[in-house]
All heavy atoms as atom14 arrays in JSON, in Angstrom:
{
  "sequence": "SIFSINAMGWYRQAPGKQRELVADITSRGSTNYADSVKGRFTISRDN",
  "atom14_mask": [
    [1, 1, 1, 1, 1, 1, 0, 0, 0, 0, 0, 0, 0, 0],
    [1, 1, 1, 1, 1, 1, 1, 1, 0, 0, 0, 0, 0, 0],
    [1, 1, 1, 1, 1, 1, 1, 1, 1, 1, 1, 0, 0, 0],
    [1, 1, 1, 1, 1, 1, 0, 0, 0, 0, 0, 0, 0, 0],
    [1, 1, 1, 1, 1, 1, 1, 1, 0, 0, 0, 0, 0, 0],
    [1, 1, 1, 1, 1, 1, 1, 1, 0, 0, 0, 0, 0, 0],
    [1, 1, 1, 1, 1, 0, 0, 0, 0, 0, 0, 0, 0, 0],
    [1, 1, 1, 1, 1, 1, 1, 1, 0, 0, 0, 0, 0, 0],
    [1, 1, 1, 1, 0, 0, 0, 0, 0, 0, 0, 0, 0, 0],
    [1, 1, 1, 1, 1, 1, 1, 1, 1, 1, 1, 1, 1, 1],
    [1, 1, 1, 1, 1, 1, 1, 1, 1, 1, 1, 1, 0, 0],
    [1, 1, 1, 1, 1, 1, 1, 1, 1, 1, 1, 0, 0, 0],
    [1, 1, 1, 1, 1, 1, 1, 1, 1, 0, 0, 0, 0, 0],
    [1, 1, 1, 1, 1, 0, 0, 0, 0, 0, 0, 0, 0, 0],
    [1, 1, 1, 1, 1, 1, 1, 0, 0, 0, 0, 0, 0, 0],
    [1, 1, 1, 1, 0, 0, 0, 0, 0, 0, 0, 0, 0, 0],
    [1, 1, 1, 1, 1, 1, 1, 1, 1, 0, 0, 0, 0, 0],
    [1, 1, 1, 1, 1, 1, 1, 1, 1, 0, 0, 0, 0, 0],
    [1, 1, 1, 1, 1, 1, 1, 1, 1, 1, 1, 0, 0, 0],
    [1, 1, 1, 1, 1, 1, 1, 1, 1, 0, 0, 0, 0, 0],
    [1, 1, 1, 1, 1, 1, 1, 1, 0, 0, 0, 0, 0, 0],
    [1, 1, 1, 1, 1, 1, 1, 0, 0, 0, 0, 0, 0, 0],
    [1, 1, 1, 1, 1, 0, 0, 0, 0, 0, 0, 0, 0, 0],
    [1, 1, 1, 1, 1, 1, 1, 1, 0, 0, 0, 0, 0, 0],
    [1, 1, 1, 1, 1, 1, 1, 1, 0, 0, 0, 0, 0, 0],
    [1, 1, 1, 1, 1, 1, 1, 0, 0, 0, 0, 0, 0, 0],
    [1, 1, 1, 1, 1, 1, 0, 0, 0, 0, 0, 0, 0, 0],
    [1, 1, 1, 1, 1, 1, 1, 1, 1, 1, 1, 0, 0, 0],
    [1, 1, 1, 1, 0, 0, 0, 0, 0, 0, 0, 0, 0, 0],
    [1, 1, 1, 1, 1, 1, 0, 0, 0, 0, 0, 0, 0, 0],
    [1, 1, 1, 1, 1, 1, 1, 0, 0, 0, 0, 0, 0, 0],
    [1, 1, 1, 1, 1, 1, 1, 1, 0, 0, 0, 0, 0, 0],
    [1, 1, 1, 1, 1, 1, 1, 1, 1, 1, 1, 1, 0, 0],
    [1, 1, 1, 1, 1, 0, 0, 0, 0, 0, 0, 0, 0, 0],
    [1, 1, 1, 1, 1, 1, 1, 1, 0, 0, 0, 0, 0, 0],
    [1, 1, 1, 1, 1, 1, 0, 0, 0, 0, 0, 0, 0, 0],
    [1, 1, 1, 1, 1, 1, 1, 0, 0, 0, 0, 0, 0, 0],
    [1, 1, 1, 1, 1, 1, 1, 1, 1, 0, 0, 0, 0, 0],
    [1, 1, 1, 1, 0, 0, 0, 0, 0, 0, 0, 0, 0, 0],
    [1, 1, 1, 1, 1, 1, 1, 1, 1, 1, 1, 0, 0, 0],
    [1, 1, 1, 1, 1, 1, 1, 1, 1, 1, 1, 0, 0, 0],
    [1, 1, 1, 1, 1, 1, 1, 0, 0, 0, 0, 0, 0, 0],
    [1, 1, 1, 1, 1, 1, 1, 1, 0, 0, 0, 0, 0, 0],
    [1, 1, 1, 1, 1, 1, 0, 0, 0, 0, 0, 0, 0, 0],
    [1, 1, 1, 1, 1, 1, 1, 1, 1, 1, 1, 0, 0, 0],
    [1, 1, 1, 1, 1, 1, 1, 1, 0, 0, 0, 0, 0, 0],
    [1, 1, 1, 1, 1, 1, 1, 1, 0, 0, 0, 0, 0, 0]
  ],
  "atom14_positions": [
    [[0.6, 20.75, -2.36], [1.58, 19.7, -2.1], [1.41, 19.08, -0.76], [1.15, 19.79, 0.23], [3.0, 20.27, -2.19], [3.94, 19.32, -1.8], [0.0, 0.0, 0.0], [0.0, 0.0, 0.0], [0.0, 0.0, 0.0], [0.0, 0.0, 0.0], [0.0, 0.0, 0.0], [0.0, 0.0, 0.0], [0.0, 0.0, 0.0], [0.0, 0.0, 0.0]],
    [[1.45, 17.78, -0.67], [1.37, 17.06, 0.61], [2.73, 16.55, 1.02], [2.84, 15.86, 2.02], [0.33, 15.91, 0.57], [0.79, 14.81, -0.43], [-1.04, 16.45, 0.2], [-0.09, 13.56, -0.33], [0.0, 0.0, 0.0], [0.0, 0.0, 0.0], [0.0, 0.0, 0.0], [0.0, 0.0, 0.0], [0.0, 0.0, 0.0], [0.0, 0.0, 0.0]],
    [[3.74, 16.86, 0.21], [5.05, 16.29, 0.46], [5.57, 16.63, 1.85], [6.14, 15.77, 2.52], [6.05, 16.81, -0.58], [7.45, 16.31, -0.39], [7.8, 15.05, -0.79], [8.4, 17.12, 0.19], [9.09, 14.56, -0.6], [9.72, 16.64, 0.39], [10.04, 15.39, -0.03], [0.0, 0.0, 0.0], [0.0, 0.0, 0.0], [0.0, 0.0, 0.0]],
    [[5.33, 17.82, 2.28], [5.85, 18.27, 3.59], [4.92, 18.02, 4.75], [5.28, 18.28, 5.9], [6.17, 19.78, 3.53], [4.99, 20.5, 3.32], [0.0, 0.0, 0.0], [0.0, 0.0, 0.0], [0.0, 0.0, 0.0], [0.0, 0.0, 0.0], [0.0, 0.0, 0.0], [0.0, 0.0, 0.0], [0.0, 0.0, 0.0], [0.0, 0.0, 0.0]],
    [[3.76, 17.46, 4.46], [2.8, 17.16, 5.54], [3.19, 15.87, 6.19], [3.26, 14.82, 5.53], [1.37, 17.08, 5.02], [0.95, 18.45, 4.4], [0.41, 16.68, 6.12], [-0.41, 18.43, 3.76], [0.0, 0.0, 0.0], [0.0, 0.0, 0.0], [0.0, 0.0, 0.0], [0.0, 0.0, 0.0], [0.0, 0.0, 0.0], [0.0, 0.0, 0.0]],
    [[3.43, 15.93, 7.49], [3.94, 14.72, 8.16], [2.92, 13.59, 8.15], [3.28, 12.48, 7.73], [4.28, 15.07, 9.61], [4.81, 13.88, 10.36], [5.57, 13.07, 9.81], [4.4, 13.68, 11.61], [0.0, 0.0, 0.0], [0.0, 0.0, 0.0], [0.0, 0.0, 0.0], [0.0, 0.0, 0.0], [0.0, 0.0, 0.0], [0.0, 0.0, 0.0]],
    [[1.73, 13.82, 8.57], [0.74, 12.73, 8.68], [-0.57, 13.11, 8.12], [-1.05, 14.25, 8.32], [0.59, 12.37, 10.17], [0.0, 0.0, 0.0], [0.0, 0.0, 0.0], [0.0, 0.0, 0.0], [0.0, 0.0, 0.0], [0.0, 0.0, 0.0], [0.0, 0.0, 0.0], [0.0, 0.0, 0.0], [0.0, 0.0, 0.0], [0.0, 0.0, 0.0]],
    [[-1.13, 12.2, 7.37], [-2.49, 12.38, 6.82], [-3.28, 11.14, 7.16], [-2.75, 10.06, 7.4], [-2.43, 12.56, 5.32], [-1.7, 13.82, 4.87], [-1.94, 14.18, 3.13], [-3.66, 14.71, 3.12], [0.0, 0.0, 0.0], [0.0, 0.0, 0.0], [0.0, 0.0, 0.0], [0.0, 0.0, 0.0], [0.0, 0.0, 0.0], [0.0, 0.0, 0.0]],
    [[-4.59, 11.31, 7.15], [-5.43, 10.22, 7.55], [-6.77, 10.17, 6.88], [-7.22, 11.12, 6.29], [0.0, 0.0, 0.0], [0.0, 0.0, 0.0], [0.0, 0.0, 0.0], [0.0, 0.0, 0.0], [0.0, 0.0, 0.0], [0.0, 0.0, 0.0], [0.0, 0.0, 0.0], [0.0, 0.0, 0.0], [0.0, 0.0, 0.0], [0.0, 0.0, 0.0]],
    [[-7.37, 9.02, 6.98], [-8.75, 8.79, 6.55], [-9.62, 8.71, 7.8], [-9.3, 7.96, 8.74], [-8.89, 7.54, 5.7], [-8.42, 7.69, 4.32], [-7.21, 7.36, 3.81], [-9.15, 8.25, 3.22], [-7.12, 7.65, 2.47], [-8.33, 8.2, 2.1], [-10.46, 8.74, 3.07], [-8.73, 8.65, 0.81], [-10.85, 9.21, 1.83], [-10.03, 9.16, 0.71]],
    [[-10.71, 9.45, 7.76], [-11.68, 9.43, 8.83], [-13.01, 8.98, 8.27], [-13.26, 9.03, 7.05], [-11.85, 10.86, 9.39], [-10.61, 11.51, 9.88], [-9.64, 12.02, 9.02], [-10.38, 11.67, 11.28], [-8.5, 12.64, 9.48], [-9.22, 12.28, 11.74], [-8.3, 12.77, 10.85], [-7.16, 13.4, 11.32], [0.0, 0.0, 0.0], [0.0, 0.0, 0.0]],
    [[-13.91, 8.56, 9.16], [-15.24, 8.23, 8.68], [-16.26, 8.57, 9.74], [-15.95, 8.66, 10.93], [-15.36, 6.73, 8.37], [-15.32, 5.79, 9.55], [-15.33, 4.34, 9.05], [-15.27, 3.39, 10.19], [-15.14, 2.07, 10.04], [-15.05, 1.54, 8.83], [-15.12, 1.28, 11.12], [0.0, 0.0, 0.0], [0.0, 0.0, 0.0], [0.0, 0.0, 0.0]],
    [[-17.48, 8.85, 9.27], [-18.59, 9.17, 10.18], [-19.83, 8.41, 9.72], [-20.3, 8.66, 8.63], [-18.83, 10.67, 10.19], [-19.87, 11.1, 11.23], [-19.88, 12.6, 11.46], [-19.43, 13.35, 10.63], [-20.4, 12.99, 12.62], [0.0, 0.0, 0.0], [0.0, 0.0, 0.0], [0.0, 0.0, 0.0], [0.0, 0.0, 0.0], [0.0, 0.0, 0.0]],
    [[-20.24, 7.55, 10.63], [-21.48, 6.81, 10.35], [-22.66, 7.58, 10.94], [-22.49, 8.4, 11.85], [-21.37, 5.4, 11.0], [0.0, 0.0, 0.0], [0.0, 0.0, 0.0], [0.0, 0.0, 0.0], [0.0, 0.0, 0.0], [0.0, 0.0, 0.0], [0.0, 0.0, 0.0], [0.0, 0.0, 0.0], [0.0, 0.0, 0.0], [0.0, 0.0, 0.0]],
    [[-23.84, 7.3, 10.44], [-25.04, 8.01, 10.94], [-25.17, 7.87, 12.45], [-25.1, 6.78, 12.98], [-26.17, 7.34, 10.21], [-25.58, 6.77, 8.97], [-24.18, 6.38, 9.34], [0.0, 0.0, 0.0], [0.0, 0.0, 0.0], [0.0, 0.0, 0.0], [0.0, 0.0, 0.0], [0.0, 0.0, 0.0], [0.0, 0.0, 0.0], [0.0, 0.0, 0.0]],
    [[-25.34, 9.01, 13.12], [-25.53, 9.01, 14.56], [-24.29, 8.78, 15.37], [-24.35, 8.64, 16.58], [0.0, 0.0, 0.0], [0.0, 0.0, 0.0], [0.0, 0.0, 0.0], [0.0, 0.0, 0.0], [0.0, 0.0, 0.0], [0.0, 0.0, 0.0], [0.0, 0.0, 0.0], [0.0, 0.0, 0.0], [0.0, 0.0, 0.0], [0.0, 0.0, 0.0]],
    [[-23.13, 8.72, 14.7], [-21.88, 8.48, 15.44], [-20.9, 9.61, 15.2], [-21.02, 10.39, 14.27], [-21.27, 7.15, 14.99], [-22.1, 5.94, 15.33], [-21.35, 4.66, 15.04], [-22.16, 3.44, 15.47], [-21.39, 2.18, 15.21], [0.0, 0.0, 0.0], [0.0, 0.0, 0.0], [0.0, 0.0, 0.0], [0.0, 0.0, 0.0], [0.0, 0.0, 0.0]],
    [[-19.91, 9.69, 16.09], [-18.86, 10.69, 15.92], [-17.9, 10.3, 14.83], [-17.73, 9.11, 14.5], [-18.11, 10.86, 17.24], [-18.91, 11.56, 18.32], [-18.02, 11.93, 19.54], [-17.06, 11.24, 19.85], [-18.37, 12.99, 20.22], [0.0, 0.0, 0.0], [0.0, 0.0, 0.0], [0.0, 0.0, 0.0], [0.0, 0.0, 0.0], [0.0, 0.0, 0.0]],
    [[-17.26, 11.31, 14.25], [-16.25, 11.02, 13.21], [-15.03, 10.36, 13.91], [-14.64, 10.76, 14.97], [-15.81, 12.36, 12.57], [-15.05, 12.19, 11.29], [-14.9, 13.52, 10.59], [-16.2, 14.09, 10.23], [-16.36, 15.19, 9.53], [-15.28, 15.86, 9.08], [-17.53, 15.66, 9.25], [0.0, 0.0, 0.0], [0.0, 0.0, 0.0], [0.0, 0.0, 0.0]],
    [[-14.51, 9.35, 13.24], [-13.38, 8.6, 13.83], [-12.27, 8.44, 12.8], [-12.51, 8.39, 11.6], [-13.84, 7.22, 14.31], [-14.35, 6.31, 13.2], [-14.63, 4.89, 13.63], [-14.21, 4.53, 14.74], [-15.29, 4.17, 12.84], [0.0, 0.0, 0.0], [0.0, 0.0, 0.0], [0.0, 0.0, 0.0], [0.0, 0.0, 0.0], [0.0, 0.0, 0.0]],
    [[-11.07, 8.38, 13.31], [-9.89, 8.14, 12.5], [-9.78, 6.64, 12.26], [-9.76, 5.89, 13.18], [-8.63, 8.68, 13.18], [-7.3, 8.43, 12.48], [-7.22, 9.22, 11.17], [-6.17, 8.82, 13.4], [0.0, 0.0, 0.0], [0.0, 0.0, 0.0], [0.0, 0.0, 0.0], [0.0, 0.0, 0.0], [0.0, 0.0, 0.0], [0.0, 0.0, 0.0]],
    [[-9.67, 6.25, 10.99], [-9.58, 4.8, 10.68], [-8.18, 4.42, 10.26], [-7.75, 3.25, 10.43], [-10.58, 4.33, 9.64], [-11.98, 4.51, 10.18], [-10.41, 5.09, 8.32], [0.0, 0.0, 0.0], [0.0, 0.0, 0.0], [0.0, 0.0, 0.0], [0.0, 0.0, 0.0], [0.0, 0.0, 0.0], [0.0, 0.0, 0.0], [0.0, 0.0, 0.0]],
    [[-7.43, 5.33, 9.67], [-6.07, 4.99, 9.21], [-5.27, 6.27, 9.01], [-5.81, 7.29, 8.63], [-6.1, 4.2, 7.92], [0.0, 0.0, 0.0], [0.0, 0.0, 0.0], [0.0, 0.0, 0.0], [0.0, 0.0, 0.0], [0.0, 0.0, 0.0], [0.0, 0.0, 0.0], [0.0, 0.0, 0.0], [0.0, 0.0, 0.0], [0.0, 0.0, 0.0]],
    [[-3.97, 6.2, 9.3], [-3.13, 7.35, 9.05], [-1.74, 6.9, 8.55], [-1.37, 5.74, 8.73], [-2.97, 8.25, 10.26], [-2.27, 7.56, 11.43], [-1.03, 7.58, 11.44], [-3.0, 7.07, 12.33], [0.0, 0.0, 0.0], [0.0, 0.0, 0.0], [0.0, 0.0, 0.0], [0.0, 0.0, 0.0], [0.0, 0.0, 0.0], [0.0, 0.0, 0.0]],
    [[-1.07, 7.8, 7.88], [0.24, 7.5, 7.28], [1.15, 8.72, 7.41], [0.69, 9.87, 7.15], [0.06, 7.05, 5.82], [1.41, 6.65, 5.21], [-0.6, 8.14, 4.95], [1.25, 5.94, 3.87], [0.0, 0.0, 0.0], [0.0, 0.0, 0.0], [0.0, 0.0, 0.0], [0.0, 0.0, 0.0], [0.0, 0.0, 0.0], [0.0, 0.0, 0.0]],
    [[2.37, 8.51, 7.78], [3.34, 9.59, 7.89], [4.05, 9.81, 6.53], [3.89, 9.01, 5.62], [4.4, 9.32, 8.93], [5.24, 8.23, 8.5], [3.73, 8.88, 10.28], [0.0, 0.0, 0.0], [0.0, 0.0, 0.0], [0.0, 0.0, 0.0], [0.0, 0.0, 0.0], [0.0, 0.0, 0.0], [0.0, 0.0, 0.0], [0.0, 0.0, 0.0]],
    [[4.83, 10.86, 6.5], [5.56, 11.15, 5.27], [6.6, 10.08, 4.95], [7.0, 9.88, 3.81], [6.24, 12.52, 5.38], [7.11, 12.52, 6.51], [0.0, 0.0, 0.0], [0.0, 0.0, 0.0], [0.0, 0.0, 0.0], [0.0, 0.0, 0.0], [0.0, 0.0, 0.0], [0.0, 0.0, 0.0], [0.0, 0.0, 0.0], [0.0, 0.0, 0.0]],
    [[7.01, 9.34, 5.98], [7.97, 8.24, 5.8], [7.29, 6.92, 5.47], [7.95, 5.93, 5.26], [8.84, 8.09, 7.05], [9.7, 9.29, 7.34], [10.65, 9.04, 8.49], [11.55, 10.14, 8.72], [12.52, 10.13, 9.64], [12.71, 9.04, 10.37], [13.3, 11.18, 9.78], [0.0, 0.0, 0.0], [0.0, 0.0, 0.0], [0.0, 0.0, 0.0]],
    [[5.95, 6.94, 5.48], [5.24, 5.73, 5.12], [4.81, 4.85, 6.29], [4.23, 3.79, 6.07], [0.0, 0.0, 0.0], [0.0, 0.0, 0.0], [0.0, 0.0, 0.0], [0.0, 0.0, 0.0], [0.0, 0.0, 0.0], [0.0, 0.0, 0.0], [0.0, 0.0, 0.0], [0.0, 0.0, 0.0], [0.0, 0.0, 0.0], [0.0, 0.0, 0.0]],
    [[5.04, 5.3, 7.49], [4.55, 4.52, 8.64], [3.04, 4.65, 8.72], [2.51, 5.74, 8.56], [5.19, 5.05, 9.92], [6.59, 4.85, 9.89], [0.0, 0.0, 0.0], [0.0, 0.0, 0.0], [0.0, 0.0, 0.0], [0.0, 0.0, 0.0], [0.0, 0.0, 0.0], [0.0, 0.0, 0.0], [0.0, 0.0, 0.0], [0.0, 0.0, 0.0]],
    [[2.4, 3.54, 9.05], [0.93, 3.53, 9.03], [0.36, 3.06, 10.37], [1.04, 2.31, 11.12], [0.4, 2.59, 7.93], [0.9, 1.3, 8.15], [0.8, 3.11, 6.55], [0.0, 0.0, 0.0], [0.0, 0.0, 0.0], [0.0, 0.0, 0.0], [0.0, 0.0, 0.0], [0.0, 0.0, 0.0], [0.0, 0.0, 0.0], [0.0, 0.0, 0.0]],
    [[-0.84, 3.5, 10.65], [-1.58, 3.05, 11.82], [-3.04, 2.83, 11.42], [-3.54, 3.55, 10.55], [-1.54, 4.08, 12.93], [-0.17, 4.21, 13.55], [0.33, 3.31, 14.24], [0.52, 5.29, 13.25], [0.0, 0.0, 0.0], [0.0, 0.0, 0.0], [0.0, 0.0, 0.0], [0.0, 0.0, 0.0], [0.0, 0.0, 0.0], [0.0, 0.0, 0.0]],
    [[-3.66, 1.85, 12.05], [-5.05, 1.53, 11.71], [-5.88, 1.33, 12.96], [-5.38, 0.85, 13.99], [-5.1, 0.22, 10.87], [-4.36, 0.32, 9.57], [-3.06, -0.09, 9.43], [-5.02, 0.8, 8.43], [-2.39, 0.04, 8.25], [-4.37, 0.88, 7.22], [-3.05, 0.49, 7.13], [-2.41, 0.6, 5.9], [0.0, 0.0, 0.0], [0.0, 0.0, 0.0]],
    [[-7.11, 1.71, 12.86], [-8.06, 1.38, 13.92], [-8.23, -0.13, 13.95], [-8.14, -0.82, 12.92], [-9.39, 2.05, 13.66], [0.0, 0.0, 0.0], [0.0, 0.0, 0.0], [0.0, 0.0, 0.0], [0.0, 0.0, 0.0], [0.0, 0.0, 0.0], [0.0, 0.0, 0.0], [0.0, 0.0, 0.0], [0.0, 0.0, 0.0], [0.0, 0.0, 0.0]],
    [[-8.47, -0.64, 15.16], [-8.6, -2.1, 15.28], [-9.72, -2.66, 14.36], [-9.62, -3.76, 13.89], [-8.9, -2.45, 16.75], [-7.67, -2.29, 17.62], [-6.54, -2.2, 17.12], [-7.87, -2.21, 18.87], [0.0, 0.0, 0.0], [0.0, 0.0, 0.0], [0.0, 0.0, 0.0], [0.0, 0.0, 0.0], [0.0, 0.0, 0.0], [0.0, 0.0, 0.0]],
    [[-10.74, -1.88, 14.21], [-11.89, -2.33, 13.42], [-11.6, -2.55, 11.95], [-12.33, -3.26, 11.26], [-13.05, -1.36, 13.57], [-12.66, -0.05, 13.12], [0.0, 0.0, 0.0], [0.0, 0.0, 0.0], [0.0, 0.0, 0.0], [0.0, 0.0, 0.0], [0.0, 0.0, 0.0], [0.0, 0.0, 0.0], [0.0, 0.0, 0.0], [0.0, 0.0, 0.0]],
    [[-10.5, -1.97, 11.44], [-10.2, -2.1, 10.01], [-8.85, -2.76, 9.76], [-8.49, -3.02, 8.64], [-10.22, -0.73, 9.28], [-11.55, -0.01, 9.58], [-9.06, 0.16, 9.74], [0.0, 0.0, 0.0], [0.0, 0.0, 0.0], [0.0, 0.0, 0.0], [0.0, 0.0, 0.0], [0.0, 0.0, 0.0], [0.0, 0.0, 0.0], [0.0, 0.0, 0.0]],
    [[-8.15, -3.06, 10.83], [-6.82, -3.64, 10.7], [-6.87, -4.94, 9.94], [-7.7, -5.8, 10.21], [-6.19, -3.81, 12.08], [-4.69, -3.94, 12.13], [-4.19, -3.89, 13.54], [-4.41, -2.53, 14.18], [-3.84, -2.46, 15.56], [0.0, 0.0, 0.0], [0.0, 0.0, 0.0], [0.0, 0.0, 0.0], [0.0, 0.0, 0.0], [0.0, 0.0, 0.0]],
    [[-5.97, -5.1, 8.95], [-5.97, -6.33, 8.15], [-6.84, -6.28, 6.96], [-6.78, -7.16, 6.08], [0.0, 0.0, 0.0], [0.0, 0.0, 0.0], [0.0, 0.0, 0.0], [0.0, 0.0, 0.0], [0.0, 0.0, 0.0], [0.0, 0.0, 0.0], [0.0, 0.0, 0.0], [0.0, 0.0, 0.0], [0.0, 0.0, 0.0], [0.0, 0.0, 0.0]],
    [[-7.75, -5.26, 6.9], [-8.7, -5.16, 5.76], [-8.44, -3.92, 4.94], [-8.67, -3.95, 3.7], [-10.13, -5.16, 6.27], [-10.52, -6.4, 7.07], [-11.99, -6.42, 7.39], [-12.38, -5.27, 8.26], [-13.28, -4.35, 7.91], [-13.89, -4.4, 6.72], [-13.59, -3.36, 8.77], [0.0, 0.0, 0.0], [0.0, 0.0, 0.0], [0.0, 0.0, 0.0]],
    [[-8.01, -2.83, 5.56], [-7.8, -1.54, 4.9], [-6.31, -1.32, 4.76], [-5.52, -1.66, 5.65], [-8.43, -0.4, 5.69], [-9.94, -0.36, 5.68], [-10.67, -1.42, 5.21], [-10.58, 0.76, 6.17], [-12.06, -1.4, 5.2], [-11.97, 0.8, 6.18], [-12.72, -0.28, 5.67], [0.0, 0.0, 0.0], [0.0, 0.0, 0.0], [0.0, 0.0, 0.0]],
    [[-5.94, -0.63, 3.68], [-4.55, -0.21, 3.49], [-4.5, 1.22, 3.02], [-5.11, 1.59, 2.01], [-3.86, -1.09, 2.42], [-3.93, -2.46, 2.83], [-2.4, -0.68, 2.27], [0.0, 0.0, 0.0], [0.0, 0.0, 0.0], [0.0, 0.0, 0.0], [0.0, 0.0, 0.0], [0.0, 0.0, 0.0], [0.0, 0.0, 0.0], [0.0, 0.0, 0.0]],
    [[-3.77, 2.05, 3.78], [-3.62, 3.47, 3.44], [-2.3, 3.65, 2.69], [-1.29, 2.99, 3.05], [-3.71, 4.36, 4.69], [-3.76, 5.82, 4.3], [-2.57, 4.05, 5.67], [-4.05, 6.76, 5.48], [0.0, 0.0, 0.0], [0.0, 0.0, 0.0], [0.0, 0.0, 0.0], [0.0, 0.0, 0.0], [0.0, 0.0, 0.0], [0.0, 0.0, 0.0]],
    [[-2.29, 4.55, 1.72], [-1.08, 4.86, 1.04], [-1.11, 6.27, 0.52], [-2.19, 6.89, 0.53], [-0.85, 3.87, -0.16], [-1.91, 3.99, -1.1], [0.0, 0.0, 0.0], [0.0, 0.0, 0.0], [0.0, 0.0, 0.0], [0.0, 0.0, 0.0], [0.0, 0.0, 0.0], [0.0, 0.0, 0.0], [0.0, 0.0, 0.0], [0.0, 0.0, 0.0]],
    [[-0.03, 6.81, 0.15], [0.05, 8.19, -0.32], [1.04, 8.31, -1.48], [2.07, 7.61, -1.49], [0.42, 9.19, 0.77], [1.78, 8.94, 1.4], [1.97, 9.73, 2.7], [2.18, 11.17, 2.44], [2.27, 12.08, 3.46], [2.08, 11.7, 4.71], [2.48, 13.34, 3.15], [0.0, 0.0, 0.0], [0.0, 0.0, 0.0], [0.0, 0.0, 0.0]],
    [[0.69, 9.12, -2.45], [1.58, 9.41, -3.57], [1.9, 10.9, -3.53], [1.11, 11.69, -4.0], [0.91, 9.02, -4.88], [1.81, 9.12, -6.08], [2.76, 9.96, -6.03], [1.62, 8.4, -7.05], [0.0, 0.0, 0.0], [0.0, 0.0, 0.0], [0.0, 0.0, 0.0], [0.0, 0.0, 0.0], [0.0, 0.0, 0.0], [0.0, 0.0, 0.0]],
    [[3.03, 11.24, -2.96], [3.36, 12.66, -2.79], [3.5, 13.38, -4.13], [3.23, 14.53, -4.26], [4.64, 12.82, -1.97], [4.45, 12.4, -0.52], [3.32, 12.43, -0.01], [5.51, 12.02, 0.17], [0.0, 0.0, 0.0], [0.0, 0.0, 0.0], [0.0, 0.0, 0.0], [0.0, 0.0, 0.0], [0.0, 0.0, 0.0], [0.0, 0.0, 0.0]]
  ]
}
């Protein structure tokens, strides 16, 4: 169950680069995005 998990996120790792957080979402549905994906990516969760 992810119901009780406050925040979850999507990360990505490109070749030769460090893993980075691109988007996250809280249990209440608040979201944050990296500047590089803002306006193009949408994170959501179905508890």
